[in-house]
N, C-alpha and C. Protein backbone atom coordinates (compact mmCIF):
# COMPACT_ATOMS: atom_id res chain seq x y z
N MET A 1 2.78 0.17 14.56
CA MET A 1 2.04 0.32 13.32
C MET A 1 2.10 -0.97 12.53
N ALA A 2 0.94 -1.61 12.39
CA ALA A 2 0.88 -2.94 11.78
C ALA A 2 0.85 -2.86 10.26
N THR A 3 1.99 -2.51 9.67
CA THR A 3 2.11 -2.49 8.21
C THR A 3 3.54 -2.77 7.80
N THR A 4 3.68 -3.32 6.61
CA THR A 4 5.02 -3.51 6.03
C THR A 4 5.19 -2.58 4.83
N ASN A 5 4.14 -1.80 4.52
CA ASN A 5 4.18 -0.87 3.40
C ASN A 5 4.89 0.41 3.84
N GLN A 6 6.07 0.64 3.28
CA GLN A 6 6.88 1.79 3.69
C GLN A 6 6.25 3.13 3.32
N GLY A 7 5.48 3.15 2.22
CA GLY A 7 4.80 4.39 1.84
C GLY A 7 3.75 4.77 2.86
N LYS A 8 2.97 3.79 3.29
CA LYS A 8 1.95 4.04 4.31
C LYS A 8 2.60 4.44 5.63
N LEU A 9 3.68 3.74 6.00
CA LEU A 9 4.35 4.00 7.26
C LEU A 9 4.86 5.45 7.30
N LYS A 10 5.41 5.91 6.19
CA LYS A 10 5.94 7.28 6.12
C LYS A 10 4.82 8.30 6.30
N GLU A 11 3.70 8.09 5.63
CA GLU A 11 2.57 9.01 5.74
C GLU A 11 2.01 9.03 7.16
N ILE A 12 1.91 7.86 7.78
CA ILE A 12 1.34 7.76 9.12
C ILE A 12 2.25 8.43 10.15
N LYS A 13 3.55 8.20 10.03
CA LYS A 13 4.49 8.85 10.96
C LYS A 13 4.41 10.36 10.85
N ALA A 14 4.31 10.86 9.62
CA ALA A 14 4.22 12.31 9.42
C ALA A 14 2.94 12.87 10.03
N ALA A 15 1.83 12.15 9.86
CA ALA A 15 0.54 12.63 10.36
C ALA A 15 0.45 12.62 11.88
N LEU A 16 1.18 11.70 12.52
CA LEU A 16 1.12 11.59 13.98
C LEU A 16 2.32 12.22 14.68
N GLU A 17 3.14 12.92 13.91
CA GLU A 17 4.31 13.57 14.49
C GLU A 17 3.90 14.57 15.58
N GLY A 18 4.63 14.57 16.67
CA GLY A 18 4.33 15.48 17.77
C GLY A 18 3.56 14.84 18.90
N LEU A 19 2.96 13.69 18.65
CA LEU A 19 2.29 12.97 19.73
C LEU A 19 3.34 12.33 20.65
N PRO A 20 3.01 12.12 21.91
CA PRO A 20 3.98 11.54 22.85
C PRO A 20 4.14 10.03 22.67
N VAL A 21 4.47 9.64 21.45
CA VAL A 21 4.63 8.21 21.15
C VAL A 21 5.83 8.00 20.24
N ARG A 22 6.34 6.80 20.28
CA ARG A 22 7.33 6.35 19.30
C ARG A 22 6.65 5.30 18.44
N ILE A 23 6.64 5.51 17.15
CA ILE A 23 5.96 4.60 16.24
C ILE A 23 6.92 3.53 15.74
N LEU A 24 6.58 2.28 16.02
CA LEU A 24 7.42 1.15 15.63
C LEU A 24 6.72 0.33 14.55
N SER A 25 7.48 -0.14 13.59
CA SER A 25 6.92 -0.98 12.54
C SER A 25 6.99 -2.45 12.95
N LEU A 26 6.31 -3.28 12.20
CA LEU A 26 6.37 -4.72 12.45
C LEU A 26 7.82 -5.22 12.34
N LYS A 27 8.54 -4.67 11.39
CA LYS A 27 9.93 -5.08 11.18
C LYS A 27 10.79 -4.74 12.38
N GLU A 28 10.59 -3.55 12.96
CA GLU A 28 11.38 -3.13 14.12
C GLU A 28 11.09 -4.01 15.34
N LEU A 29 9.90 -4.58 15.40
CA LEU A 29 9.53 -5.45 16.52
C LEU A 29 9.79 -6.93 16.21
N ASN A 30 10.37 -7.17 15.02
CA ASN A 30 10.66 -8.54 14.59
C ASN A 30 9.42 -9.42 14.54
N LEU A 31 8.30 -8.82 14.18
CA LEU A 31 7.06 -9.57 14.02
C LEU A 31 6.93 -9.96 12.55
N ASN A 32 7.44 -11.12 12.23
CA ASN A 32 7.49 -11.57 10.84
C ASN A 32 6.35 -12.51 10.47
N VAL A 33 5.29 -12.47 11.25
CA VAL A 33 4.14 -13.32 10.98
C VAL A 33 3.07 -12.49 10.26
N ASP A 34 2.43 -13.10 9.27
CA ASP A 34 1.41 -12.40 8.49
C ASP A 34 0.02 -12.68 9.03
N CYS A 35 -0.77 -11.63 9.10
CA CYS A 35 -2.18 -11.78 9.49
C CYS A 35 -2.98 -12.09 8.23
N PRO A 36 -3.75 -13.16 8.23
CA PRO A 36 -4.58 -13.48 7.06
C PRO A 36 -5.58 -12.36 6.79
N GLU A 37 -5.62 -11.87 5.55
CA GLU A 37 -6.58 -10.82 5.18
C GLU A 37 -7.73 -11.49 4.43
N GLU A 38 -8.73 -11.89 5.19
CA GLU A 38 -9.84 -12.63 4.62
C GLU A 38 -11.14 -11.83 4.62
N GLY A 39 -11.08 -10.58 5.07
CA GLY A 39 -12.28 -9.76 5.13
C GLY A 39 -12.78 -9.36 3.76
N LYS A 40 -14.07 -9.07 3.67
CA LYS A 40 -14.68 -8.63 2.42
C LYS A 40 -14.73 -7.11 2.32
N THR A 41 -14.36 -6.43 3.42
CA THR A 41 -14.36 -4.97 3.43
C THR A 41 -13.06 -4.46 4.04
N PHE A 42 -12.75 -3.20 3.79
CA PHE A 42 -11.56 -2.59 4.38
C PHE A 42 -11.67 -2.57 5.90
N ARG A 43 -12.86 -2.31 6.40
CA ARG A 43 -13.06 -2.27 7.85
C ARG A 43 -12.76 -3.63 8.48
N GLN A 44 -13.27 -4.68 7.87
CA GLN A 44 -13.04 -6.02 8.42
C GLN A 44 -11.56 -6.37 8.45
N ASN A 45 -10.84 -6.01 7.41
CA ASN A 45 -9.40 -6.31 7.37
C ASN A 45 -8.62 -5.48 8.39
N ALA A 46 -8.94 -4.20 8.51
CA ALA A 46 -8.25 -3.35 9.48
C ALA A 46 -8.54 -3.84 10.90
N HIS A 47 -9.77 -4.20 11.14
CA HIS A 47 -10.20 -4.72 12.45
C HIS A 47 -9.42 -5.99 12.79
N ALA A 48 -9.35 -6.90 11.82
CA ALA A 48 -8.67 -8.18 12.05
C ALA A 48 -7.18 -7.99 12.30
N LYS A 49 -6.55 -7.13 11.53
CA LYS A 49 -5.11 -6.90 11.68
C LYS A 49 -4.78 -6.26 13.03
N SER A 50 -5.61 -5.30 13.44
CA SER A 50 -5.34 -4.64 14.72
C SER A 50 -5.47 -5.62 15.88
N LEU A 51 -6.48 -6.48 15.83
CA LEU A 51 -6.66 -7.48 16.89
C LEU A 51 -5.53 -8.51 16.87
N PHE A 52 -5.18 -8.98 15.69
CA PHE A 52 -4.15 -10.01 15.53
C PHE A 52 -2.80 -9.55 16.09
N TYR A 53 -2.33 -8.39 15.63
CA TYR A 53 -1.00 -7.93 16.05
C TYR A 53 -0.98 -7.38 17.47
N SER A 54 -2.14 -6.89 17.96
CA SER A 54 -2.17 -6.36 19.33
C SER A 54 -1.97 -7.46 20.36
N GLN A 55 -2.22 -8.70 19.97
CA GLN A 55 -2.03 -9.81 20.89
C GLN A 55 -0.60 -10.34 20.91
N LEU A 56 0.24 -9.75 20.04
CA LEU A 56 1.64 -10.19 19.96
C LEU A 56 2.59 -9.20 20.63
N THR A 57 2.04 -8.13 21.20
CA THR A 57 2.86 -7.10 21.82
C THR A 57 2.09 -6.42 22.94
N ASP A 58 2.79 -5.70 23.79
CA ASP A 58 2.13 -4.95 24.86
C ASP A 58 1.77 -3.54 24.42
N TYR A 59 2.15 -3.18 23.20
CA TYR A 59 1.95 -1.81 22.74
C TYR A 59 0.56 -1.58 22.15
N LEU A 60 0.15 -0.32 22.12
CA LEU A 60 -1.01 0.06 21.32
C LEU A 60 -0.71 -0.33 19.88
N THR A 61 -1.68 -0.88 19.20
CA THR A 61 -1.46 -1.35 17.83
C THR A 61 -2.43 -0.66 16.88
N LEU A 62 -1.86 0.03 15.89
CA LEU A 62 -2.67 0.72 14.89
C LEU A 62 -2.55 -0.04 13.56
N ALA A 63 -3.68 -0.49 13.05
CA ALA A 63 -3.70 -1.21 11.77
C ALA A 63 -4.54 -0.43 10.76
N GLU A 64 -4.21 -0.63 9.51
CA GLU A 64 -4.86 0.12 8.44
C GLU A 64 -5.18 -0.80 7.28
N ASP A 65 -6.30 -0.57 6.64
CA ASP A 65 -6.57 -1.22 5.37
C ASP A 65 -7.21 -0.19 4.46
N SER A 66 -6.75 -0.15 3.24
CA SER A 66 -7.23 0.88 2.33
C SER A 66 -7.08 0.40 0.90
N GLY A 67 -7.72 1.11 0.00
CA GLY A 67 -7.59 0.74 -1.39
C GLY A 67 -8.48 1.57 -2.29
N LEU A 68 -8.49 1.17 -3.54
CA LEU A 68 -9.20 1.90 -4.59
C LEU A 68 -10.46 1.14 -5.01
N GLU A 69 -11.55 1.88 -5.17
CA GLU A 69 -12.77 1.32 -5.74
C GLU A 69 -13.11 2.09 -7.00
N VAL A 70 -13.27 1.38 -8.10
CA VAL A 70 -13.61 2.01 -9.38
C VAL A 70 -15.04 1.62 -9.74
N LYS A 71 -15.89 2.59 -9.91
CA LYS A 71 -17.31 2.34 -10.13
C LYS A 71 -17.56 1.46 -11.35
N ALA A 72 -16.88 1.75 -12.45
CA ALA A 72 -17.10 1.00 -13.70
C ALA A 72 -16.61 -0.44 -13.62
N LEU A 73 -15.80 -0.74 -12.61
CA LEU A 73 -15.29 -2.10 -12.42
C LEU A 73 -16.02 -2.83 -11.29
N GLY A 74 -17.20 -2.33 -10.95
CA GLY A 74 -17.96 -2.98 -9.88
C GLY A 74 -17.29 -2.86 -8.52
N LYS A 75 -16.61 -1.72 -8.29
CA LYS A 75 -15.88 -1.40 -7.06
C LYS A 75 -14.56 -2.16 -6.91
N ALA A 76 -14.15 -2.84 -7.96
CA ALA A 76 -12.81 -3.43 -7.96
C ALA A 76 -11.78 -2.30 -8.17
N PRO A 77 -10.54 -2.48 -7.72
CA PRO A 77 -9.99 -3.68 -7.10
C PRO A 77 -10.37 -3.87 -5.63
N GLY A 78 -10.86 -2.85 -4.95
CA GLY A 78 -11.35 -3.01 -3.59
C GLY A 78 -10.32 -3.56 -2.63
N VAL A 79 -10.70 -4.56 -1.83
CA VAL A 79 -9.79 -5.12 -0.83
C VAL A 79 -8.61 -5.85 -1.46
N PHE A 80 -8.68 -6.05 -2.77
CA PHE A 80 -7.57 -6.70 -3.48
C PHE A 80 -6.64 -5.68 -4.14
N SER A 81 -6.74 -4.42 -3.73
CA SER A 81 -5.97 -3.34 -4.36
C SER A 81 -4.48 -3.62 -4.44
N ALA A 82 -3.89 -4.16 -3.37
CA ALA A 82 -2.46 -4.39 -3.33
C ALA A 82 -2.03 -5.59 -4.17
N ARG A 83 -2.97 -6.45 -4.48
CA ARG A 83 -2.64 -7.67 -5.23
C ARG A 83 -3.62 -7.89 -6.37
N PHE A 84 -4.03 -6.80 -7.01
CA PHE A 84 -5.04 -6.86 -8.06
C PHE A 84 -4.55 -7.63 -9.28
N ALA A 85 -3.30 -7.41 -9.68
CA ALA A 85 -2.77 -8.06 -10.88
C ALA A 85 -2.28 -9.47 -10.61
N ALA A 86 -1.84 -9.72 -9.38
CA ALA A 86 -1.32 -11.04 -8.99
C ALA A 86 -1.03 -11.02 -7.50
N PRO A 87 -0.90 -12.20 -6.87
CA PRO A 87 -0.62 -12.24 -5.42
C PRO A 87 0.59 -11.43 -4.99
N GLU A 88 1.63 -11.40 -5.81
CA GLU A 88 2.83 -10.64 -5.48
C GLU A 88 3.02 -9.46 -6.41
N ALA A 89 1.94 -8.86 -6.85
CA ALA A 89 1.99 -7.76 -7.82
C ALA A 89 2.61 -6.51 -7.23
N ASN A 90 3.20 -5.68 -8.10
CA ASN A 90 3.71 -4.37 -7.68
C ASN A 90 2.78 -3.27 -8.20
N ASP A 91 3.11 -2.03 -7.84
CA ASP A 91 2.25 -0.91 -8.24
C ASP A 91 2.08 -0.82 -9.75
N GLU A 92 3.16 -1.02 -10.49
CA GLU A 92 3.11 -0.90 -11.94
C GLU A 92 2.13 -1.90 -12.55
N LYS A 93 2.18 -3.13 -12.11
CA LYS A 93 1.30 -4.17 -12.65
C LYS A 93 -0.15 -3.91 -12.28
N ASN A 94 -0.38 -3.46 -11.05
CA ASN A 94 -1.75 -3.17 -10.62
C ASN A 94 -2.35 -2.02 -11.43
N ILE A 95 -1.56 -0.98 -11.62
CA ILE A 95 -2.01 0.17 -12.41
C ILE A 95 -2.31 -0.26 -13.84
N ALA A 96 -1.43 -1.05 -14.42
CA ALA A 96 -1.61 -1.51 -15.80
C ALA A 96 -2.90 -2.29 -15.96
N LYS A 97 -3.23 -3.11 -14.98
CA LYS A 97 -4.46 -3.91 -15.06
C LYS A 97 -5.70 -3.03 -14.98
N VAL A 98 -5.69 -2.04 -14.08
CA VAL A 98 -6.83 -1.12 -13.97
C VAL A 98 -7.02 -0.36 -15.29
N LEU A 99 -5.94 0.17 -15.84
CA LEU A 99 -6.04 0.93 -17.09
C LEU A 99 -6.50 0.04 -18.24
N ALA A 100 -6.04 -1.20 -18.27
CA ALA A 100 -6.45 -2.11 -19.33
C ALA A 100 -7.94 -2.41 -19.26
N GLN A 101 -8.45 -2.59 -18.05
CA GLN A 101 -9.87 -2.91 -17.90
C GLN A 101 -10.76 -1.71 -18.16
N LEU A 102 -10.19 -0.51 -18.08
CA LEU A 102 -10.96 0.71 -18.33
C LEU A 102 -10.72 1.28 -19.72
N ARG A 103 -10.03 0.54 -20.56
CA ARG A 103 -9.60 1.05 -21.85
C ARG A 103 -10.75 1.60 -22.69
N LYS A 104 -11.91 0.97 -22.65
CA LYS A 104 -13.05 1.40 -23.47
C LYS A 104 -14.06 2.24 -22.69
N VAL A 105 -13.71 2.59 -21.46
CA VAL A 105 -14.62 3.39 -20.63
C VAL A 105 -14.31 4.87 -20.80
N PRO A 106 -15.27 5.69 -21.21
CA PRO A 106 -15.02 7.11 -21.42
C PRO A 106 -14.73 7.85 -20.11
N PRO A 107 -13.99 8.96 -20.18
CA PRO A 107 -13.60 9.71 -18.98
C PRO A 107 -14.72 10.02 -17.99
N PRO A 108 -15.91 10.45 -18.44
CA PRO A 108 -16.97 10.78 -17.47
C PRO A 108 -17.44 9.58 -16.64
N GLU A 109 -17.15 8.36 -17.11
CA GLU A 109 -17.63 7.17 -16.41
C GLU A 109 -16.51 6.46 -15.65
N ARG A 110 -15.40 7.17 -15.42
CA ARG A 110 -14.26 6.55 -14.75
C ARG A 110 -14.15 7.00 -13.29
N GLN A 111 -15.32 7.18 -12.64
CA GLN A 111 -15.33 7.62 -11.24
C GLN A 111 -14.69 6.57 -10.33
N ALA A 112 -14.01 7.07 -9.31
CA ALA A 112 -13.35 6.16 -8.36
C ALA A 112 -13.25 6.83 -7.01
N ARG A 113 -12.93 6.03 -6.02
CA ARG A 113 -12.69 6.59 -4.69
C ARG A 113 -11.66 5.75 -3.97
N PHE A 114 -10.88 6.43 -3.13
CA PHE A 114 -9.98 5.76 -2.20
C PHE A 114 -10.68 5.70 -0.86
N ILE A 115 -10.57 4.57 -0.17
CA ILE A 115 -11.14 4.41 1.17
C ILE A 115 -10.06 3.91 2.12
N CYS A 116 -10.08 4.41 3.33
CA CYS A 116 -9.12 3.97 4.35
C CYS A 116 -9.84 3.75 5.68
N TYR A 117 -9.53 2.63 6.32
CA TYR A 117 -9.99 2.37 7.68
C TYR A 117 -8.76 2.22 8.57
N LEU A 118 -8.80 2.85 9.73
CA LEU A 118 -7.77 2.71 10.75
C LEU A 118 -8.40 2.15 12.00
N CYS A 119 -7.78 1.14 12.58
CA CYS A 119 -8.28 0.56 13.83
C CYS A 119 -7.16 0.51 14.86
N LEU A 120 -7.44 1.00 16.05
CA LEU A 120 -6.50 0.99 17.16
C LEU A 120 -6.93 -0.06 18.17
N ALA A 121 -5.99 -0.88 18.61
CA ALA A 121 -6.32 -1.94 19.56
C ALA A 121 -5.18 -2.11 20.57
N LYS A 122 -5.52 -2.80 21.65
CA LYS A 122 -4.49 -3.18 22.62
C LYS A 122 -4.90 -4.50 23.26
N LYS A 123 -3.97 -5.43 23.23
CA LYS A 123 -4.18 -6.75 23.85
C LYS A 123 -5.50 -7.40 23.44
N GLY A 124 -5.77 -7.38 22.14
CA GLY A 124 -6.96 -8.06 21.64
C GLY A 124 -8.26 -7.34 21.84
N LYS A 125 -8.21 -6.04 22.13
CA LYS A 125 -9.43 -5.26 22.33
C LYS A 125 -9.38 -4.01 21.47
N ILE A 126 -10.43 -3.81 20.65
CA ILE A 126 -10.51 -2.63 19.80
C ILE A 126 -10.81 -1.39 20.65
N ILE A 127 -10.05 -0.34 20.42
CA ILE A 127 -10.23 0.91 21.15
C ILE A 127 -10.94 1.96 20.30
N LYS A 128 -10.55 2.04 19.01
CA LYS A 128 -11.12 3.07 18.14
C LYS A 128 -10.94 2.70 16.67
N CYS A 129 -11.97 2.95 15.86
CA CYS A 129 -11.89 2.78 14.41
C CYS A 129 -12.38 4.05 13.72
N VAL A 130 -11.70 4.46 12.67
CA VAL A 130 -12.10 5.65 11.92
C VAL A 130 -12.03 5.35 10.42
N ARG A 131 -12.71 6.17 9.63
CA ARG A 131 -12.79 5.97 8.18
C ARG A 131 -12.51 7.27 7.44
N GLY A 132 -11.81 7.18 6.32
CA GLY A 132 -11.57 8.33 5.47
C GLY A 132 -11.85 7.97 4.01
N GLU A 133 -12.31 8.93 3.23
CA GLU A 133 -12.64 8.68 1.82
C GLU A 133 -12.34 9.92 0.99
N VAL A 134 -11.92 9.70 -0.26
CA VAL A 134 -11.76 10.80 -1.21
C VAL A 134 -12.20 10.30 -2.58
N ARG A 135 -12.91 11.14 -3.32
CA ARG A 135 -13.45 10.76 -4.62
C ARG A 135 -12.69 11.44 -5.76
N GLY A 136 -12.60 10.74 -6.87
CA GLY A 136 -11.91 11.29 -8.03
C GLY A 136 -12.24 10.49 -9.28
N TRP A 137 -11.34 10.56 -10.26
CA TRP A 137 -11.51 9.86 -11.52
C TRP A 137 -10.20 9.17 -11.89
N ILE A 138 -10.30 8.11 -12.67
CA ILE A 138 -9.11 7.40 -13.14
C ILE A 138 -8.70 7.98 -14.50
N THR A 139 -7.46 8.36 -14.62
CA THR A 139 -6.95 8.91 -15.88
C THR A 139 -6.70 7.78 -16.88
N GLU A 140 -6.37 8.16 -18.11
CA GLU A 140 -6.12 7.15 -19.15
C GLU A 140 -4.65 6.75 -19.20
N GLU A 141 -3.82 7.45 -18.46
CA GLU A 141 -2.39 7.11 -18.39
C GLU A 141 -1.81 7.66 -17.09
N LYS A 142 -0.65 7.17 -16.73
CA LYS A 142 0.00 7.62 -15.49
C LYS A 142 0.44 9.07 -15.61
N ARG A 143 0.34 9.78 -14.49
CA ARG A 143 0.80 11.17 -14.44
C ARG A 143 1.50 11.42 -13.10
N GLY A 144 2.75 11.77 -13.16
CA GLY A 144 3.49 12.12 -11.94
C GLY A 144 4.21 10.95 -11.33
N GLY A 145 5.24 11.28 -10.56
CA GLY A 145 6.06 10.25 -9.94
C GLY A 145 6.04 10.28 -8.42
N HIS A 146 5.11 11.04 -7.85
CA HIS A 146 5.02 11.10 -6.39
C HIS A 146 4.06 10.03 -5.86
N GLY A 147 4.06 9.87 -4.55
CA GLY A 147 3.13 8.94 -3.91
C GLY A 147 3.48 7.49 -4.19
N PHE A 148 2.46 6.64 -4.10
CA PHE A 148 2.65 5.21 -4.32
C PHE A 148 1.30 4.61 -4.67
N GLY A 149 1.29 3.31 -4.95
CA GLY A 149 0.04 2.66 -5.29
C GLY A 149 -0.59 3.25 -6.55
N TYR A 150 -1.86 3.57 -6.47
CA TYR A 150 -2.60 4.07 -7.64
C TYR A 150 -2.56 5.59 -7.77
N ASP A 151 -1.76 6.26 -6.97
CA ASP A 151 -1.72 7.73 -6.98
C ASP A 151 -1.53 8.33 -8.38
N PRO A 152 -0.67 7.78 -9.23
CA PRO A 152 -0.43 8.40 -10.55
C PRO A 152 -1.61 8.35 -11.52
N ILE A 153 -2.66 7.55 -11.21
CA ILE A 153 -3.81 7.52 -12.12
C ILE A 153 -5.09 8.01 -11.43
N PHE A 154 -4.97 8.54 -10.21
CA PHE A 154 -6.14 9.04 -9.49
C PHE A 154 -6.19 10.56 -9.62
N PHE A 155 -7.13 11.04 -10.42
CA PHE A 155 -7.27 12.48 -10.69
C PHE A 155 -8.22 13.10 -9.67
N TYR A 156 -7.71 14.15 -8.99
CA TYR A 156 -8.50 14.85 -7.98
C TYR A 156 -8.86 16.23 -8.54
N ARG A 157 -10.12 16.40 -8.90
CA ARG A 157 -10.56 17.58 -9.64
C ARG A 157 -10.25 18.92 -8.94
N PRO A 158 -10.46 19.06 -7.61
CA PRO A 158 -10.15 20.34 -6.98
C PRO A 158 -8.69 20.79 -7.16
N PHE A 159 -7.76 19.84 -7.28
CA PHE A 159 -6.36 20.18 -7.50
C PHE A 159 -6.01 20.23 -8.98
N GLY A 160 -6.86 19.66 -9.83
CA GLY A 160 -6.61 19.65 -11.26
C GLY A 160 -5.45 18.77 -11.68
N CYS A 161 -5.17 17.74 -10.90
CA CYS A 161 -4.05 16.85 -11.20
C CYS A 161 -4.24 15.53 -10.47
N THR A 162 -3.34 14.59 -10.74
CA THR A 162 -3.39 13.31 -10.03
C THR A 162 -2.66 13.43 -8.71
N PHE A 163 -2.88 12.46 -7.84
CA PHE A 163 -2.15 12.42 -6.57
C PHE A 163 -0.66 12.17 -6.82
N GLY A 164 -0.33 11.63 -7.97
CA GLY A 164 1.07 11.40 -8.30
C GLY A 164 1.80 12.65 -8.75
N GLU A 165 1.05 13.75 -8.95
CA GLU A 165 1.65 15.00 -9.41
C GLU A 165 1.82 16.03 -8.29
N ILE A 166 1.50 15.65 -7.06
CA ILE A 166 1.63 16.59 -5.94
C ILE A 166 2.48 15.96 -4.85
N CYS A 167 2.99 16.80 -3.97
CA CYS A 167 3.82 16.30 -2.87
C CYS A 167 2.94 15.61 -1.84
N VAL A 168 3.56 14.79 -1.03
CA VAL A 168 2.83 14.01 -0.03
C VAL A 168 2.07 14.90 0.94
N SER A 169 2.70 15.99 1.38
CA SER A 169 2.06 16.87 2.37
C SER A 169 0.77 17.48 1.82
N LYS A 170 0.77 17.84 0.53
CA LYS A 170 -0.45 18.41 -0.07
C LYS A 170 -1.50 17.32 -0.25
N LYS A 171 -1.07 16.15 -0.69
CA LYS A 171 -2.01 15.04 -0.88
C LYS A 171 -2.70 14.69 0.43
N ASN A 172 -1.95 14.68 1.51
CA ASN A 172 -2.49 14.27 2.80
C ASN A 172 -3.55 15.22 3.34
N LEU A 173 -3.64 16.43 2.79
CA LEU A 173 -4.67 17.37 3.21
C LEU A 173 -6.06 16.87 2.82
N VAL A 174 -6.12 16.07 1.75
CA VAL A 174 -7.42 15.65 1.22
C VAL A 174 -7.54 14.14 1.05
N SER A 175 -6.46 13.40 1.17
CA SER A 175 -6.49 11.98 0.89
C SER A 175 -7.32 11.19 1.90
N HIS A 176 -7.71 10.00 1.51
CA HIS A 176 -8.47 9.11 2.38
C HIS A 176 -7.71 8.80 3.66
N ARG A 177 -6.40 8.53 3.52
CA ARG A 177 -5.59 8.20 4.69
C ARG A 177 -5.36 9.45 5.54
N GLY A 178 -5.17 10.58 4.90
CA GLY A 178 -4.98 11.82 5.64
C GLY A 178 -6.20 12.17 6.47
N ARG A 179 -7.38 11.98 5.90
CA ARG A 179 -8.61 12.29 6.62
C ARG A 179 -8.83 11.34 7.80
N ALA A 180 -8.54 10.06 7.58
CA ALA A 180 -8.67 9.09 8.67
C ALA A 180 -7.65 9.36 9.77
N LEU A 181 -6.43 9.71 9.37
CA LEU A 181 -5.38 9.96 10.35
C LEU A 181 -5.65 11.19 11.20
N ARG A 182 -6.28 12.20 10.63
CA ARG A 182 -6.60 13.39 11.43
C ARG A 182 -7.63 13.04 12.51
N GLN A 183 -8.57 12.17 12.16
CA GLN A 183 -9.53 11.72 13.17
C GLN A 183 -8.84 10.90 14.26
N MET A 184 -7.93 10.01 13.83
CA MET A 184 -7.22 9.19 14.81
C MET A 184 -6.30 10.04 15.67
N ARG A 185 -5.69 11.05 15.08
CA ARG A 185 -4.81 11.93 15.86
C ARG A 185 -5.59 12.65 16.96
N ARG A 186 -6.78 13.16 16.60
CA ARG A 186 -7.61 13.84 17.60
C ARG A 186 -7.98 12.89 18.73
N PHE A 187 -8.30 11.66 18.37
CA PHE A 187 -8.63 10.67 19.40
C PHE A 187 -7.42 10.40 20.29
N LEU A 188 -6.25 10.23 19.70
CA LEU A 188 -5.04 9.92 20.47
C LEU A 188 -4.65 11.09 21.38
N GLU A 189 -4.85 12.31 20.91
CA GLU A 189 -4.57 13.47 21.75
C GLU A 189 -5.44 13.44 23.01
N GLU A 190 -6.71 13.11 22.83
CA GLU A 190 -7.61 13.01 23.98
C GLU A 190 -7.25 11.81 24.85
N PHE A 191 -6.89 10.71 24.20
CA PHE A 191 -6.54 9.47 24.89
C PHE A 191 -5.32 9.68 25.79
N PHE A 192 -4.27 10.27 25.25
CA PHE A 192 -3.06 10.50 26.03
C PHE A 192 -3.25 11.60 27.06
N GLY A 193 -4.11 12.57 26.74
CA GLY A 193 -4.40 13.62 27.70
C GLY A 193 -5.12 13.07 28.92
N ALA A 194 -6.07 12.16 28.67
CA ALA A 194 -6.80 11.54 29.78
C ALA A 194 -5.87 10.66 30.61
N ALA A 195 -4.95 9.96 29.93
CA ALA A 195 -4.01 9.10 30.64
C ALA A 195 -3.08 9.92 31.52
N ALA A 196 -2.65 11.07 31.00
CA ALA A 196 -1.75 11.94 31.79
C ALA A 196 -2.45 12.47 33.03
N LYS A 197 -3.72 12.80 32.89
CA LYS A 197 -4.50 13.31 34.03
C LYS A 197 -4.65 12.23 35.11
N ARG A 198 -4.87 10.99 34.67
CA ARG A 198 -5.01 9.89 35.63
C ARG A 198 -3.70 9.67 36.39
N GLU A 199 -2.59 9.77 35.68
CA GLU A 199 -1.28 9.56 36.32
C GLU A 199 -0.95 10.69 37.30
N ALA A 200 -1.43 11.90 36.99
CA ALA A 200 -1.14 13.05 37.83
C ALA A 200 -2.07 13.16 39.04
N ALA A 201 -3.18 12.43 38.99
CA ALA A 201 -4.14 12.51 40.08
C ALA A 201 -3.54 11.92 41.36
N PRO A 202 -3.84 12.56 42.51
CA PRO A 202 -3.31 12.07 43.80
C PRO A 202 -3.94 10.75 44.20
């Protein structure tokens, strides 16, 4: 799994639990090299990361890129979600910047969406890419201490609360990453099933 984000890694491991795989992080493989994120879209970044890291190992490589788009901010922070406030920004600073820029925007105009792209590759070849999305609104202040990133200010109307006010398992039922991971899980189940059949064939 080509990520150093422990929150993402935890969610991905939980979503893929039960598959006949062991999920290793970049840290566990001692891959301390950074892939340049120069894409203008989440898909481009996920695609680039999966290709980059898949050439450094013999393993299947799953890369992810995701973030928040706020309509009133011209779809910002977008691909800069993790570093919106500064190159080495943390969640608190990123949230503060979004709320500051939306200070004069009324609640009905604070529409937003989370987007996630997952790309699976091996040895420099893309095998599968999937996309997940969830729509909501940005609150005027943080609510809840669960999740990570922008979860405490992302209000999901069907639940009547922010992603920061619910447990990870409930969030993953509807989240952008949860939706993308369910698609990837179905693909991997078929992928490993086909591989097992080939190995069993006389």
